[in-house]
Amino acid sequence: MKKIIIATTVLINLSFAGSHSNHLKQHNHLESIEIKKRDAVVYICNGPKSYAYHSHARCSGLNNCSTQIYAIYQSEALNRGRSACQKCY
């Protein structure tokens, strides 16, 4: 009887550990998707009045750019204080 209880306890713990491991894998996968989404390539104008980042280089919000248009990561644009363009996002 004691062996059956121990074996049952071990099986329950293993099944919980497996589901917990799967949950962690799913969480890590979602976290990596979020990082990839956040680090998408975006486009900015380097002009003195520029304040937004854009999803594509041909966004009409970039038409008045007086300097060059640069491709950077979205996280870098956010670090520079840029916000999402209201036309293309």
Protein backbone atom coordinates (compact mmCIF):
# COMPACT_ATOMS: atom_id res chain seq x y z
CA MET A 1 0.00 0.00 0.00
CA LYS A 2 2.83 2.38 0.91
CA LYS A 3 4.50 1.74 -2.51
CA ILE A 4 1.27 2.55 -4.32
CA ILE A 5 0.92 5.86 -2.47
CA ILE A 6 4.54 6.80 -3.21
CA ALA A 7 4.19 5.81 -6.88
CA THR A 8 0.97 7.82 -7.20
CA THR A 9 2.59 10.85 -5.56
CA VAL A 10 5.57 10.63 -7.94
CA LEU A 11 3.25 10.40 -10.96
CA ILE A 12 1.22 13.40 -9.81
CA ASN A 13 4.39 15.45 -9.26
CA LEU A 14 5.76 14.47 -12.67
CA SER A 15 2.54 15.38 -14.45
CA PHE A 16 2.48 18.74 -12.68
CA ALA A 17 6.13 19.39 -13.52
CA GLY A 18 5.42 18.57 -17.17
CA SER A 19 2.46 20.96 -17.38
CA HIS A 20 4.42 23.63 -15.54
CA SER A 21 7.28 23.17 -17.99
CA ASN A 22 4.87 23.52 -20.92
CA HIS A 23 3.46 26.68 -19.37
CA LEU A 24 6.97 28.13 -19.07
CA LYS A 25 7.70 27.23 -22.69
CA GLN A 26 4.51 28.99 -23.79
CA HIS A 27 5.36 32.03 -21.66
CA ASN A 28 8.89 32.21 -23.08
CA HIS A 29 7.51 31.88 -26.61
CA LEU A 30 5.05 34.72 -26.02
CA GLU A 31 7.82 36.81 -24.48
CA SER A 32 10.05 36.28 -27.53
CA ILE A 33 7.16 37.25 -29.84
CA GLU A 34 6.73 40.45 -27.84
CA ILE A 35 10.44 41.24 -28.11
CA LYS A 36 10.37 40.65 -31.87
CA LYS A 37 7.27 42.81 -32.20
CA ARG A 38 8.83 45.59 -30.18
CA ASP A 39 12.06 45.44 -32.18
CA ALA A 40 10.46 45.72 -35.58
CA VAL A 41 12.20 47.95 -38.10
CA VAL A 42 10.58 51.38 -38.25
CA TYR A 43 11.42 54.56 -40.13
CA ILE A 44 12.17 57.99 -38.75
CA CYS A 45 13.00 61.40 -40.16
CA ASN A 46 16.03 62.93 -38.53
CA GLY A 47 14.70 66.48 -38.87
CA PRO A 48 14.55 68.87 -35.90
CA LYS A 49 10.73 68.80 -35.70
CA SER A 50 10.31 65.04 -36.13
CA TYR A 51 8.51 63.24 -33.33
CA ALA A 52 7.12 59.98 -34.77
CA TYR A 53 8.25 56.65 -36.12
CA HIS A 54 6.59 55.04 -39.13
CA SER A 55 5.79 51.49 -40.19
CA HIS A 56 7.03 52.01 -43.76
CA ALA A 57 9.32 54.46 -45.53
CA ARG A 58 6.59 55.67 -47.90
CA CYS A 59 4.21 56.82 -45.17
CA SER A 60 2.70 60.20 -46.01
CA GLY A 61 3.80 61.38 -42.56
CA LEU A 62 7.36 61.37 -43.92
CA ASN A 63 6.56 63.54 -46.98
CA ASN A 64 7.77 66.74 -45.32
CA CYS A 65 11.03 65.26 -44.04
CA SER A 66 13.75 67.84 -44.68
CA THR A 67 16.58 65.44 -43.89
CA GLN A 68 17.23 61.76 -44.48
CA ILE A 69 14.87 58.94 -43.51
CA TYR A 70 16.50 56.25 -41.38
CA ALA A 71 15.51 52.67 -40.62
CA ILE A 72 15.96 51.81 -36.94
CA TYR A 73 14.50 49.35 -34.44
CA GLN A 74 11.26 50.33 -32.78
CA SER A 75 12.83 50.01 -29.32
CA GLU A 76 15.47 52.58 -30.31
CA ALA A 77 12.78 54.93 -31.65
CA LEU A 78 10.97 54.64 -28.33
CA ASN A 79 14.23 55.30 -26.47
CA ARG A 80 14.60 58.49 -28.52
CA GLY A 81 11.16 59.65 -27.36
CA ARG A 82 9.37 58.96 -30.64
CA SER A 83 5.72 57.93 -30.74
CA ALA A 84 3.83 55.91 -33.35
CA CYS A 85 2.66 57.79 -36.44
CA GLN A 86 -1.11 58.29 -36.40
CA LYS A 87 -1.33 57.77 -40.15
CA CYS A 88 0.36 54.40 -40.50
CA TYR A 89 -0.29 52.83 -37.07
